Every structure is written in C-alpha cells, then in structure tokens.
Amino acid sequence: MPIRGLLFDKDGTLFDFRRTWAAWAAQLLEHLAPGDTPRQQAMAGAIGFCLQELDFRPLSPVIAGTPAEVAALLLPFLPGQDLAPLVDLMNRLAEDVPLSEVVPLKPLLEGLIAKGYVLGLATNDAEAPARAHLSRSGIAEYFDFVAGCDSGFGAKPAAGQLKAFCRVTGLVPEEVAMIGDSTHDLHAAEAAGMTAVAVLTGIATERDLAPVADVVLRDIGGLTEWLPLR
C-alpha cells in the first residue's frame, strides 16, 4: 500500500536537536538556580546535560521524554517547588528557543503537499510550544494534525498520537510513515502499524536506530528520493 501520510516528530527531525535545546537547558538551569553552579551541575547531570559542552548525553530524558518527566527529575533539587508550575515554566521557556531547521522546511513541505501527501506532527513536547515553533518557522499551515504530550492522546512510544492522526485524516496506518530521530518514535510507529523512518539529525546514531527502523535517512530531505520508491 503506498504511503499517503507523513507524521513527523519535531525536535531532532524538523529542527536540529542540539542547536535548539542546549540553549533552553542552560537557560532553564540558570533560572532555577541563579548563580549556583554546583546545583546547576547536579540538575544538569540528572537530565543528561553537560553544561561545559552545552550538549546532551545519548540517553538524556530530554531527547524523547515529556516535560513532566524531565521536571520530575529536577524536583529533588528544588525544595518547595511543585511539578505543575515547573512544567509551565519549562513550556514557556520552550516557546522561545532558537530554532535551527535541519533542511529548509518550507520548500520541502510544500513539495510533499504538492505531491499529495498529508502531513502531521506528533511530539513529546507540549502542544503550545510545538505550535509556536511551527508558526515561528512559517510552516504551521502545512500540518493537518498537531499533537503534543498534553493533547489527550498520550506520548510516544505509545501509539495514541499516531492513531489520532489516522482518525483525523481518514488514513489507515499502512498508508502512513512516522518519521523521527529516536527509538520512541520508531517504537510508536511499530505499535501503530506504520512505516518507521529514522533520521540522523538528533542525538541517536544509525547503530541505535537501524534495528527498529524500516529505513534510515540522513535527514528529512531524503524523503523526496525515498518516497517514490514506496
């Protein structure tokens, strides 16, 4: 069955993960512990972030986790802080992160739509920052479906967001490719019965992703050559 729908992850797939989120992590830690380097270092370690290198460890929960999961790891270092306000703070800071497109997104997405593909976004970020990022990049109008971890469909690696995309678009899973940079994305695709497309613009390597992917592309620009083969 030919692919008709393309469901994208956001961070590490549409946008370069390191360039987008390293600045956010450093800003968040300074906000939570201003001038307190030892506490910032401890919190950075808890979320798999290196302050010196401004980079993430391969198993950092920030890569594929939800804001609530990351916030829960920070709470032990923040006496008196509650989870919900911390998540709200993280989401507010996330809306303004610097965005670095992995490839020029407008021409790529316009080209895919012109060929008849239906586009969606499924991210473990919250929905409001996700929509803000799409709007800032001038590509929000290209997506028929946008879901975050707080949109009511659950979070990856569960298949709820992916199944919701099918309900909204009328496509069946066999007609959809889930494109992402983490094993969470690929396991979600498997659970939903979709084609799993891995890209190498996140933190995970080809060695990490290939065992659970149907195909591994350097970046989403490779879709234009791969899709006609389907």
C-alpha atoms as a PDB file:
ATOM      1  CA  MET A   1       0.000   0.000   0.000  1.00  0.00           C
ATOM      2  CA  PRO A   2       1.521   3.359  -0.983  1.00  0.00           C
ATOM      3  CA  ILE A   3       2.308   5.933   1.666  1.00  0.00           C
ATOM      4  CA  ARG A   4      -0.069   8.911   1.690  1.00  0.00           C
ATOM      5  CA  GLY A   5       0.516  10.385   5.144  1.00  0.00           C
ATOM      6  CA  LEU A   6       3.719  11.657   6.762  1.00  0.00           C
ATOM      7  CA  LEU A   7       3.737  12.087  10.530  1.00  0.00           C
ATOM      8  CA  PHE A   8       6.788  13.990  11.753  1.00  0.00           C
ATOM      9  CA  ASP A   9       8.436  14.196  15.120  1.00  0.00           C
ATOM     10  CA  LYS A  10       9.585  17.773  15.835  1.00  0.00           C
ATOM     11  CA  ASP A  11      12.856  18.111  17.732  1.00  0.00           C
ATOM     12  CA  GLY A  12      15.714  16.292  16.077  1.00  0.00           C
ATOM     13  CA  THR A  13      13.565  15.739  12.989  1.00  0.00           C
ATOM     14  CA  LEU A  14      12.311  19.107  11.738  1.00  0.00           C
ATOM     15  CA  PHE A  15      14.718  21.080  13.925  1.00  0.00           C
ATOM     16  CA  ASP A  16      18.301  20.308  14.910  1.00  0.00           C
ATOM     17  CA  PHE A  17      18.104  18.996  18.459  1.00  0.00           C
ATOM     18  CA  ARG A  18      21.394  20.280  19.871  1.00  0.00           C
ATOM     19  CA  ARG A  19      21.113  23.788  18.447  1.00  0.00           C
ATOM     20  CA  THR A  20      17.523  24.129  19.601  1.00  0.00           C
ATOM     21  CA  TRP A  21      17.544  22.630  23.082  1.00  0.00           C
ATOM     22  CA  ALA A  22      21.033  23.196  24.506  1.00  0.00           C
ATOM     23  CA  ALA A  23      20.280  26.906  24.921  1.00  0.00           C
ATOM     24  CA  TRP A  24      16.943  26.066  26.543  1.00  0.00           C
ATOM     25  CA  ALA A  25      18.536  23.689  29.054  1.00  0.00           C
ATOM     26  CA  ALA A  26      21.217  26.195  30.051  1.00  0.00           C
ATOM     27  CA  GLN A  27      18.625  28.968  30.431  1.00  0.00           C
ATOM     28  CA  LEU A  28      16.331  26.754  32.494  1.00  0.00           C
ATOM     29  CA  LEU A  29      19.075  25.733  34.919  1.00  0.00           C
ATOM     30  CA  GLU A  30      20.180  29.326  35.410  1.00  0.00           C
ATOM     31  CA  HIS A  31      16.574  30.351  36.026  1.00  0.00           C
ATOM     32  CA  LEU A  32      16.081  27.610  38.613  1.00  0.00           C
ATOM     33  CA  ALA A  33      19.398  28.111  40.431  1.00  0.00           C
ATOM     34  CA  PRO A  34      20.751  31.566  39.546  1.00  0.00           C
ATOM     35  CA  GLY A  35      24.482  31.757  40.183  1.00  0.00           C
ATOM     36  CA  ASP A  36      24.512  28.390  41.967  1.00  0.00           C
ATOM     37  CA  THR A  37      26.908  26.422  39.784  1.00  0.00           C
ATOM     38  CA  PRO A  38      27.058  23.260  41.947  1.00  0.00           C
ATOM     39  CA  ARG A  39      23.252  22.944  41.954  1.00  0.00           C
ATOM     40  CA  GLN A  40      23.079  23.658  38.240  1.00  0.00           C
ATOM     41  CA  GLN A  41      25.658  20.926  37.652  1.00  0.00           C
ATOM     42  CA  ALA A  42      23.689  18.477  39.759  1.00  0.00           C
ATOM     43  CA  MET A  43      20.458  19.225  37.910  1.00  0.00           C
ATOM     44  CA  ALA A  44      22.246  19.014  34.564  1.00  0.00           C
ATOM     45  CA  GLY A  45      23.522  15.570  35.483  1.00  0.00           C
ATOM     46  CA  ALA A  46      20.018  14.446  36.405  1.00  0.00           C
ATOM     47  CA  ILE A  47      18.697  15.319  32.948  1.00  0.00           C
ATOM     48  CA  GLY A  48      21.720  14.133  30.982  1.00  0.00           C
ATOM     49  CA  PHE A  49      23.030  17.566  30.008  1.00  0.00           C
ATOM     50  CA  CYS A  50      26.633  18.767  30.083  1.00  0.00           C
ATOM     51  CA  LEU A  51      26.886  22.452  30.958  1.00  0.00           C
ATOM     52  CA  GLN A  52      30.527  22.700  29.920  1.00  0.00           C
ATOM     53  CA  GLU A  53      29.937  21.274  26.451  1.00  0.00           C
ATOM     54  CA  LEU A  54      26.347  22.513  26.103  1.00  0.00           C
ATOM     55  CA  ASP A  55      25.376  19.086  24.821  1.00  0.00           C
ATOM     56  CA  PHE A  56      23.176  16.164  25.780  1.00  0.00           C
ATOM     57  CA  ARG A  57      24.201  12.662  26.742  1.00  0.00           C
ATOM     58  CA  PRO A  58      22.889   9.930  24.413  1.00  0.00           C
ATOM     59  CA  LEU A  59      20.359   8.704  26.989  1.00  0.00           C
ATOM     60  CA  SER A  60      19.224  12.135  28.175  1.00  0.00           C
ATOM     61  CA  PRO A  61      15.496  12.099  29.044  1.00  0.00           C
ATOM     62  CA  VAL A  62      15.204  15.500  27.375  1.00  0.00           C
ATOM     63  CA  ILE A  63      15.667  13.843  23.980  1.00  0.00           C
ATOM     64  CA  ALA A  64      12.424  11.900  23.890  1.00  0.00           C
ATOM     65  CA  GLY A  65      10.793  12.446  27.273  1.00  0.00           C
ATOM     66  CA  THR A  66       7.867  14.694  28.114  1.00  0.00           C
ATOM     67  CA  PRO A  67       8.249  17.975  30.017  1.00  0.00           C
ATOM     68  CA  ALA A  68       6.651  16.368  33.069  1.00  0.00           C
ATOM     69  CA  GLU A  69       9.172  13.515  33.024  1.00  0.00           C
ATOM     70  CA  VAL A  70      12.073  15.955  32.840  1.00  0.00           C
ATOM     71  CA  ALA A  71      10.571  18.166  35.545  1.00  0.00           C
ATOM     72  CA  ALA A  72      10.205  15.185  37.884  1.00  0.00           C
ATOM     73  CA  LEU A  73      13.972  14.639  37.669  1.00  0.00           C
ATOM     74  CA  LEU A  74      14.642  18.262  38.615  1.00  0.00           C
ATOM     75  CA  LEU A  75      12.243  18.477  41.573  1.00  0.00           C
ATOM     76  CA  PRO A  76      14.581  16.789  44.104  1.00  0.00           C
ATOM     77  CA  PHE A  77      16.944  19.754  43.686  1.00  0.00           C
ATOM     78  CA  LEU A  78      14.158  22.337  44.134  1.00  0.00           C
ATOM     79  CA  PRO A  79      12.738  22.168  47.667  1.00  0.00           C
ATOM     80  CA  GLY A  80       9.265  23.634  47.847  1.00  0.00           C
ATOM     81  CA  GLN A  81       8.744  23.570  44.090  1.00  0.00           C
ATOM     82  CA  ASP A  82       5.705  21.757  42.672  1.00  0.00           C
ATOM     83  CA  LEU A  83       5.560  19.818  39.441  1.00  0.00           C
ATOM     84  CA  ALA A  84       2.840  21.747  37.592  1.00  0.00           C
ATOM     85  CA  PRO A  85       4.397  25.245  37.923  1.00  0.00           C
ATOM     86  CA  LEU A  86       7.770  23.827  36.908  1.00  0.00           C
ATOM     87  CA  VAL A  87       6.287  22.244  33.787  1.00  0.00           C
ATOM     88  CA  ASP A  88       4.570  25.545  32.974  1.00  0.00           C
ATOM     89  CA  LEU A  89       7.901  27.367  33.288  1.00  0.00           C
ATOM     90  CA  MET A  90       9.647  24.834  31.067  1.00  0.00           C
ATOM     91  CA  ASN A  91       6.952  25.155  28.404  1.00  0.00           C
ATOM     92  CA  ARG A  92       7.082  28.969  28.471  1.00  0.00           C
ATOM     93  CA  LEU A  93      10.851  28.931  28.000  1.00  0.00           C
ATOM     94  CA  ALA A  94      10.474  26.329  25.260  1.00  0.00           C
ATOM     95  CA  GLU A  95       8.271  28.583  23.147  1.00  0.00           C
ATOM     96  CA  ASP A  96      11.183  30.975  22.612  1.00  0.00           C
ATOM     97  CA  VAL A  97      14.034  28.533  21.939  1.00  0.00           C
ATOM     98  CA  PRO A  98      16.244  29.248  18.911  1.00  0.00           C
ATOM     99  CA  LEU A  99      15.067  27.125  16.006  1.00  0.00           C
ATOM    100  CA  SER A 100      17.534  25.597  13.559  1.00  0.00           C
ATOM    101  CA  GLU A 101      15.877  23.832  10.629  1.00  0.00           C
ATOM    102  CA  VAL A 102      17.595  20.609   9.595  1.00  0.00           C
ATOM    103  CA  VAL A 103      16.861  21.493   5.963  1.00  0.00           C
ATOM    104  CA  PRO A 104      14.868  24.421   4.530  1.00  0.00           C
ATOM    105  CA  LEU A 105      11.430  23.339   5.667  1.00  0.00           C
ATOM    106  CA  LYS A 106       9.081  25.448   3.564  1.00  0.00           C
ATOM    107  CA  PRO A 107      10.174  24.167   0.143  1.00  0.00           C
ATOM    108  CA  LEU A 108      10.389  20.580   1.370  1.00  0.00           C
ATOM    109  CA  LEU A 109       6.930  20.557   2.936  1.00  0.00           C
ATOM    110  CA  GLU A 110       5.355  22.464   0.051  1.00  0.00           C
ATOM    111  CA  GLY A 111       6.813  19.914  -2.339  1.00  0.00           C
ATOM    112  CA  LEU A 112       5.431  16.994  -0.340  1.00  0.00           C
ATOM    113  CA  ILE A 113       1.977  18.549  -0.175  1.00  0.00           C
ATOM    114  CA  ALA A 114       2.062  19.230  -3.922  1.00  0.00           C
ATOM    115  CA  LYS A 115       2.627  15.508  -4.429  1.00  0.00           C
ATOM    116  CA  GLY A 116      -0.480  14.722  -2.384  1.00  0.00           C
ATOM    117  CA  TYR A 117       0.967  13.787   0.988  1.00  0.00           C
ATOM    118  CA  VAL A 118      -0.943  14.646   4.159  1.00  0.00           C
ATOM    119  CA  LEU A 119       1.294  15.981   6.933  1.00  0.00           C
ATOM    120  CA  GLY A 120       1.076  15.739  10.703  1.00  0.00           C
ATOM    121  CA  LEU A 121       3.212  16.389  13.769  1.00  0.00           C
ATOM    122  CA  ALA A 122       3.479  14.145  16.835  1.00  0.00           C
ATOM    123  CA  THR A 123       5.844  15.349  19.546  1.00  0.00           C
ATOM    124  CA  ASN A 124       6.558  14.634  23.196  1.00  0.00           C
ATOM    125  CA  ASP A 125       6.929  18.375  23.667  1.00  0.00           C
ATOM    126  CA  ALA A 126       3.771  20.147  24.859  1.00  0.00           C
ATOM    127  CA  GLU A 127       1.342  21.250  22.177  1.00  0.00           C
ATOM    128  CA  ALA A 128       1.583  25.024  22.779  1.00  0.00           C
ATOM    129  CA  PRO A 129       5.372  25.237  22.268  1.00  0.00           C
ATOM    130  CA  ALA A 130       5.071  22.903  19.283  1.00  0.00           C
ATOM    131  CA  ARG A 131       2.522  25.144  17.595  1.00  0.00           C
ATOM    132  CA  ALA A 132       4.614  28.193  18.467  1.00  0.00           C
ATOM    133  CA  HIS A 133       7.645  26.633  16.782  1.00  0.00           C
ATOM    134  CA  LEU A 134       5.699  25.782  13.635  1.00  0.00           C
ATOM    135  CA  SER A 135       4.262  29.304  13.488  1.00  0.00           C
ATOM    136  CA  ARG A 136       7.640  30.970  14.003  1.00  0.00           C
ATOM    137  CA  SER A 137       9.035  28.900  11.149  1.00  0.00           C
ATOM    138  CA  GLY A 138       6.119  29.796   8.876  1.00  0.00           C
ATOM    139  CA  ILE A 139       5.037  26.184   8.363  1.00  0.00           C
ATOM    140  CA  ALA A 140       2.030  25.771  10.671  1.00  0.00           C
ATOM    141  CA  GLU A 141      -0.436  25.836   7.785  1.00  0.00           C
ATOM    142  CA  TYR A 142       1.111  22.749   6.210  1.00  0.00           C
ATOM    143  CA  PHE A 143       0.068  20.403   9.031  1.00  0.00           C
ATOM    144  CA  ASP A 144      -3.398  18.862   9.184  1.00  0.00           C
ATOM    145  CA  PHE A 145      -2.691  17.451  12.644  1.00  0.00           C
ATOM    146  CA  VAL A 146      -0.548  18.593  15.566  1.00  0.00           C
ATOM    147  CA  ALA A 147      -0.323  16.682  18.850  1.00  0.00           C
ATOM    148  CA  GLY A 148       1.858  17.139  21.900  1.00  0.00           C
ATOM    149  CA  CYS A 149       2.216  15.070  25.041  1.00  0.00           C
ATOM    150  CA  ASP A 150      -0.611  17.071  26.645  1.00  0.00           C
ATOM    151  CA  SER A 151      -3.087  16.908  23.743  1.00  0.00           C
ATOM    152  CA  GLY A 152      -5.027  13.979  25.183  1.00  0.00           C
ATOM    153  CA  PHE A 153      -3.521  11.172  23.104  1.00  0.00           C
ATOM    154  CA  GLY A 154      -0.630  10.183  25.368  1.00  0.00           C
ATOM    155  CA  ALA A 155       3.048  10.327  24.447  1.00  0.00           C
ATOM    156  CA  LYS A 156       5.432   8.222  22.392  1.00  0.00           C
ATOM    157  CA  PRO A 157       6.458   5.383  22.428  1.00  0.00           C
ATOM    158  CA  ALA A 158       2.748   4.647  22.882  1.00  0.00           C
ATOM    159  CA  ALA A 159       0.739   4.830  19.679  1.00  0.00           C
ATOM    160  CA  GLY A 160      -2.063   7.193  20.781  1.00  0.00           C
ATOM    161  CA  GLN A 161      -0.883  10.245  18.844  1.00  0.00           C
ATOM    162  CA  LEU A 162      -0.324   8.176  15.733  1.00  0.00           C
ATOM    163  CA  LYS A 163      -3.754   6.581  15.892  1.00  0.00           C
ATOM    164  CA  ALA A 164      -5.300  10.022  16.380  1.00  0.00           C
ATOM    165  CA  PHE A 165      -3.599  11.208  13.183  1.00  0.00           C
ATOM    166  CA  CYS A 166      -5.303   8.382  11.315  1.00  0.00           C
ATOM    167  CA  ARG A 167      -8.699   9.244  12.817  1.00  0.00           C
ATOM    168  CA  VAL A 168      -8.346  12.906  11.852  1.00  0.00           C
ATOM    169  CA  THR A 169      -7.111  12.275   8.307  1.00  0.00           C
ATOM    170  CA  GLY A 170      -9.059   9.118   7.456  1.00  0.00           C
ATOM    171  CA  LEU A 171      -5.857   7.281   6.565  1.00  0.00           C
ATOM    172  CA  VAL A 172      -5.063   3.758   7.702  1.00  0.00           C
ATOM    173  CA  PRO A 173      -1.751   3.038   9.467  1.00  0.00           C
ATOM    174  CA  GLU A 174      -0.345   1.146   6.488  1.00  0.00           C
ATOM    175  CA  GLU A 175      -0.581   4.389   4.483  1.00  0.00           C
ATOM    176  CA  VAL A 176       1.445   6.437   6.997  1.00  0.00           C
ATOM    177  CA  ALA A 177       5.145   6.847   7.700  1.00  0.00           C
ATOM    178  CA  MET A 178       6.235   8.050  11.141  1.00  0.00           C
ATOM    179  CA  ILE A 179       9.484   9.999  10.800  1.00  0.00           C
ATOM    180  CA  GLY A 180      11.657  10.572  13.861  1.00  0.00           C
ATOM    181  CA  ASP A 181      15.113  10.683  15.390  1.00  0.00           C
ATOM    182  CA  SER A 182      14.583   8.497  18.476  1.00  0.00           C
ATOM    183  CA  THR A 183      13.638   4.931  19.287  1.00  0.00           C
ATOM    184  CA  HIS A 184      10.495   6.353  20.961  1.00  0.00           C
ATOM    185  CA  ASP A 185       9.330   7.496  17.516  1.00  0.00           C
ATOM    186  CA  LEU A 186      10.138   4.192  15.877  1.00  0.00           C
ATOM    187  CA  HIS A 187       8.565   2.038  18.589  1.00  0.00           C
ATOM    188  CA  ALA A 188       5.422   4.171  18.343  1.00  0.00           C
ATOM    189  CA  ALA A 189       5.357   3.550  14.598  1.00  0.00           C
ATOM    190  CA  GLU A 190       5.669  -0.183  15.164  1.00  0.00           C
ATOM    191  CA  ALA A 191       2.894  -0.150  17.759  1.00  0.00           C
ATOM    192  CA  ALA A 192       0.611   1.739  15.381  1.00  0.00           C
ATOM    193  CA  GLY A 193       1.392  -0.426  12.352  1.00  0.00           C
ATOM    194  CA  MET A 194       3.075   2.425  10.436  1.00  0.00           C
ATOM    195  CA  THR A 195       6.306   2.536   8.464  1.00  0.00           C
ATOM    196  CA  ALA A 196       9.157   3.643  10.748  1.00  0.00           C
ATOM    197  CA  VAL A 197      11.533   6.175   9.154  1.00  0.00           C
ATOM    198  CA  ALA A 198      14.616   7.162  11.164  1.00  0.00           C
ATOM    199  CA  VAL A 199      16.626  10.327  10.607  1.00  0.00           C
ATOM    200  CA  LEU A 200      20.111  11.094  11.931  1.00  0.00           C
ATOM    201  CA  THR A 201      19.556  14.727  12.959  1.00  0.00           C
ATOM    202  CA  GLY A 202      19.061  14.035  16.657  1.00  0.00           C
ATOM    203  CA  ILE A 203      21.347  12.512  19.262  1.00  0.00           C
ATOM    204  CA  ALA A 204      20.830   8.829  18.389  1.00  0.00           C
ATOM    205  CA  THR A 205      23.159   7.150  15.919  1.00  0.00           C
ATOM    206  CA  GLU A 206      22.390   4.882  12.994  1.00  0.00           C
ATOM    207  CA  ARG A 207      23.507   1.960  15.159  1.00  0.00           C
ATOM    208  CA  ASP A 208      20.851   2.927  17.717  1.00  0.00           C
ATOM    209  CA  LEU A 209      18.044   3.405  15.216  1.00  0.00           C
ATOM    210  CA  ALA A 210      18.586   0.878  12.433  1.00  0.00           C
ATOM    211  CA  PRO A 211      17.391  -2.184  14.406  1.00  0.00           C
ATOM    212  CA  VAL A 212      13.918  -0.654  14.876  1.00  0.00           C
ATOM    213  CA  ALA A 213      13.610   1.321  11.624  1.00  0.00           C
ATOM    214  CA  ASP A 214      12.301   0.316   8.213  1.00  0.00           C
ATOM    215  CA  VAL A 215      14.686   2.823   6.668  1.00  0.00           C
ATOM    216  CA  VAL A 216      17.342   5.251   7.970  1.00  0.00           C
ATOM    217  CA  LEU A 217      17.782   8.596   6.200  1.00  0.00           C
ATOM    218  CA  ARG A 218      20.427  11.227   6.821  1.00  0.00           C
ATOM    219  CA  ASP A 219      17.700  13.842   7.270  1.00  0.00           C
ATOM    220  CA  ILE A 220      14.122  14.514   6.156  1.00  0.00           C
ATOM    221  CA  GLY A 221      15.419  15.882   2.869  1.00  0.00           C
ATOM    222  CA  GLY A 222      15.948  12.249   1.899  1.00  0.00           C
ATOM    223  CA  LEU A 223      12.184  11.709   1.800  1.00  0.00           C
ATOM    224  CA  THR A 224      11.966  13.159  -1.693  1.00  0.00           C
ATOM    225  CA  GLU A 225      14.128  10.335  -3.051  1.00  0.00           C
ATOM    226  CA  TRP A 226      12.834   7.557  -0.795  1.00  0.00           C
ATOM    227  CA  LEU A 227       9.072   8.102  -1.085  1.00  0.00           C
ATOM    228  CA  PRO A 228       8.821   7.465  -4.864  1.00  0.00           C
ATOM    229  CA  LEU A 229      10.317   4.039  -4.208  1.00  0.00           C
ATOM    230  CA  ARG A 230       7.465   3.091  -1.939  1.00  0.00           C
END
